Amino acid sequence: MELNETDVKILRGLLEDARFSSRQIAKTIGVSVGTVLSRIKKMEEDGLLKGYTAILDHEKLGFQLTVIIEITVSKGRLIETENEIAKIPNVCGVYDVTGLTDAIIIAKFKNRKDLGAFTKKLLALPYIEHTNTHVVLSTVKENFHLL
């Protein structure tokens, strides 16, 4: 889907606060409510808008540790291993990557004990050959709003 300037403005409004009504967005960007509604519906149908959610403060929820884990997987088993890892509740992201490792996992944990149990669970998966875990010391920016 090719986005025009109006689409981008609508998306920015939703990213600012997904609770904004179509009327509020329309007023802010200077178009009709019907335009906003039809553009949002089109973006939903095209799969550009996948859903609406709240942004949580994970630390206030008790998730004190963020980790980035590099994994190396046996040949031919990467996709099934990544799909298995993606099912684990603490996992926020699973990425195929280039370089010395096969995939990167981003996960959050309440404490070292939970991280340790997760690491042992990962290493027990049949096709994991190697992991390298990085513990995040401080978060400078964590935001996937690209518009």
Protein backbone atom coordinates (compact mmCIF):
# COMPACT_ATOMS: atom_id res chain seq x y z
CA MET A 1 0.00 0.00 0.00
CA GLU A 2 1.35 3.40 -0.99
CA LEU A 3 0.86 5.92 1.82
CA ASN A 4 0.07 9.53 1.06
CA GLU A 5 0.53 12.53 3.35
CA THR A 6 -2.97 12.15 4.84
CA ASP A 7 -2.37 8.47 5.64
CA VAL A 8 0.89 9.32 7.39
CA LYS A 9 -0.82 12.04 9.45
CA ILE A 10 -3.57 9.60 10.47
CA LEU A 11 -0.99 7.01 11.50
CA ARG A 12 0.95 9.60 13.50
CA GLY A 13 -2.26 10.51 15.31
CA LEU A 14 -2.93 6.86 16.14
CA LEU A 15 0.65 6.35 17.28
CA GLU A 16 0.41 9.39 19.52
CA ASP A 17 -2.67 7.92 21.19
CA ALA A 18 -4.68 5.04 19.73
CA ARG A 19 -7.65 6.25 21.81
CA PHE A 20 -8.01 9.36 19.66
CA SER A 21 -11.37 9.32 17.94
CA SER A 22 -11.65 9.65 14.18
CA ARG A 23 -13.23 13.04 14.83
CA GLN A 24 -10.21 14.20 16.86
CA ILE A 25 -7.77 13.01 14.19
CA ALA A 26 -9.83 14.61 11.41
CA LYS A 27 -9.89 17.95 13.23
CA THR A 28 -6.16 17.83 13.93
CA ILE A 29 -5.10 17.06 10.35
CA GLY A 30 -7.79 19.08 8.59
CA VAL A 31 -9.80 16.42 6.76
CA SER A 32 -13.30 15.01 7.12
CA VAL A 33 -14.21 12.26 9.57
CA GLY A 34 -15.29 10.13 6.60
CA THR A 35 -11.82 10.44 5.09
CA VAL A 36 -10.20 9.32 8.34
CA LEU A 37 -12.60 6.39 8.74
CA SER A 38 -12.17 5.19 5.16
CA ARG A 39 -8.37 5.51 5.26
CA ILE A 40 -8.16 3.63 8.56
CA LYS A 41 -10.44 0.87 7.22
CA LYS A 42 -8.27 0.56 4.09
CA MET A 43 -5.07 0.37 6.16
CA GLU A 44 -6.65 -2.33 8.34
CA GLU A 45 -7.78 -4.33 5.30
CA ASP A 46 -4.30 -4.06 3.76
CA GLY A 47 -2.75 -5.33 6.99
CA LEU A 48 -0.83 -2.11 7.63
CA LEU A 49 -2.73 -1.54 10.88
CA LYS A 50 -2.55 -4.85 12.72
CA GLY A 51 -4.28 -3.78 15.91
CA TYR A 52 -4.48 -1.23 18.67
CA THR A 53 -2.69 -1.57 21.97
CA ALA A 54 -1.52 0.17 25.11
CA ILE A 55 2.16 0.90 25.73
CA LEU A 56 3.17 -0.50 29.09
CA ASP A 57 6.00 0.51 31.39
CA HIS A 58 7.57 -2.92 31.84
CA GLU A 59 9.75 -1.85 34.75
CA LYS A 60 6.68 -0.68 36.70
CA LEU A 61 5.19 -4.12 36.03
CA GLY A 62 8.27 -5.68 37.65
CA PHE A 63 10.23 -6.63 34.52
CA GLN A 64 13.61 -5.34 35.65
CA LEU A 65 15.77 -7.19 33.10
CA THR A 66 15.81 -6.81 29.34
CA VAL A 67 18.05 -9.22 27.47
CA ILE A 68 19.24 -9.61 23.92
CA ILE A 69 20.12 -13.21 23.15
CA GLU A 70 22.00 -14.36 20.09
CA ILE A 71 21.27 -17.97 19.13
CA THR A 72 22.91 -20.41 16.76
CA VAL A 73 20.66 -23.16 15.47
CA SER A 74 21.39 -26.48 13.75
CA LYS A 75 21.16 -26.32 9.98
CA GLY A 76 17.65 -26.52 8.58
CA ARG A 77 15.89 -26.08 11.92
CA LEU A 78 15.92 -22.30 12.29
CA ILE A 79 12.27 -21.55 11.46
CA GLU A 80 10.80 -24.24 13.70
CA THR A 81 13.13 -23.25 16.54
CA GLU A 82 12.23 -19.56 16.19
CA ASN A 83 8.51 -20.41 16.15
CA GLU A 84 8.93 -22.42 19.34
CA ILE A 85 10.82 -19.59 21.06
CA ALA A 86 8.21 -17.04 19.92
CA LYS A 87 5.55 -18.91 21.94
CA ILE A 88 7.36 -18.23 25.24
CA PRO A 89 5.57 -15.40 27.13
CA ASN A 90 8.68 -13.38 28.12
CA VAL A 91 9.83 -13.11 24.50
CA CYS A 92 9.15 -9.71 22.93
CA GLY A 93 10.85 -10.28 19.58
CA VAL A 94 12.49 -12.97 17.49
CA TYR A 95 14.53 -11.91 14.47
CA ASP A 96 16.40 -13.77 11.70
CA VAL A 97 19.72 -12.00 11.31
CA THR A 98 22.87 -12.04 9.24
CA GLY A 99 26.27 -12.43 10.80
CA LEU A 100 27.80 -14.94 13.17
CA THR A 101 24.50 -15.97 14.75
CA ASP A 102 21.23 -17.15 13.22
CA ALA A 103 18.69 -15.25 15.29
CA ILE A 104 18.27 -12.58 17.95
CA ILE A 105 15.75 -12.79 20.78
CA ILE A 106 14.60 -9.80 22.83
CA ALA A 107 13.04 -10.81 26.15
CA LYS A 108 12.13 -9.28 29.52
CA PHE A 109 12.33 -10.85 32.97
CA LYS A 110 11.42 -9.92 36.51
CA ASN A 111 14.63 -11.26 38.01
CA ARG A 112 17.80 -13.29 37.44
CA LYS A 113 16.09 -16.49 38.52
CA ASP A 114 13.51 -16.14 35.71
CA LEU A 115 16.27 -15.32 33.22
CA GLY A 116 18.23 -18.37 34.34
CA ALA A 117 15.23 -20.65 33.92
CA PHE A 118 14.58 -19.19 30.45
CA THR A 119 18.21 -19.71 29.41
CA LYS A 120 18.10 -23.33 30.56
CA LYS A 121 14.83 -23.81 28.65
CA LEU A 122 16.45 -22.38 25.51
CA LEU A 123 19.50 -24.60 25.81
CA ALA A 124 17.23 -27.63 26.28
CA LEU A 125 15.58 -27.04 22.90
CA PRO A 126 16.86 -29.76 20.57
CA TYR A 127 18.37 -27.59 17.83
CA ILE A 128 19.96 -24.77 19.83
CA GLU A 129 23.72 -25.08 19.44
CA HIS A 130 24.86 -21.92 21.19
CA THR A 131 23.52 -18.81 22.93
CA ASN A 132 25.14 -15.51 23.83
CA THR A 133 23.14 -13.39 26.27
CA HIS A 134 23.51 -9.64 26.67
CA VAL A 135 21.85 -8.00 29.69
CA VAL A 136 20.71 -4.43 29.00
CA LEU A 137 22.14 -2.06 31.60
CA SER A 138 20.00 0.94 30.68
CA THR A 139 17.48 1.72 27.98
CA VAL A 140 18.20 4.92 26.10
CA LYS A 141 15.32 4.48 23.65
CA GLU A 142 12.72 1.79 23.16
CA ASN A 143 10.13 2.86 20.65
CA PHE A 144 9.01 1.26 17.40
CA HIS A 145 7.03 4.28 16.17
CA LEU A 146 8.80 5.01 12.91
CA LEU A 147 6.53 7.75 11.54
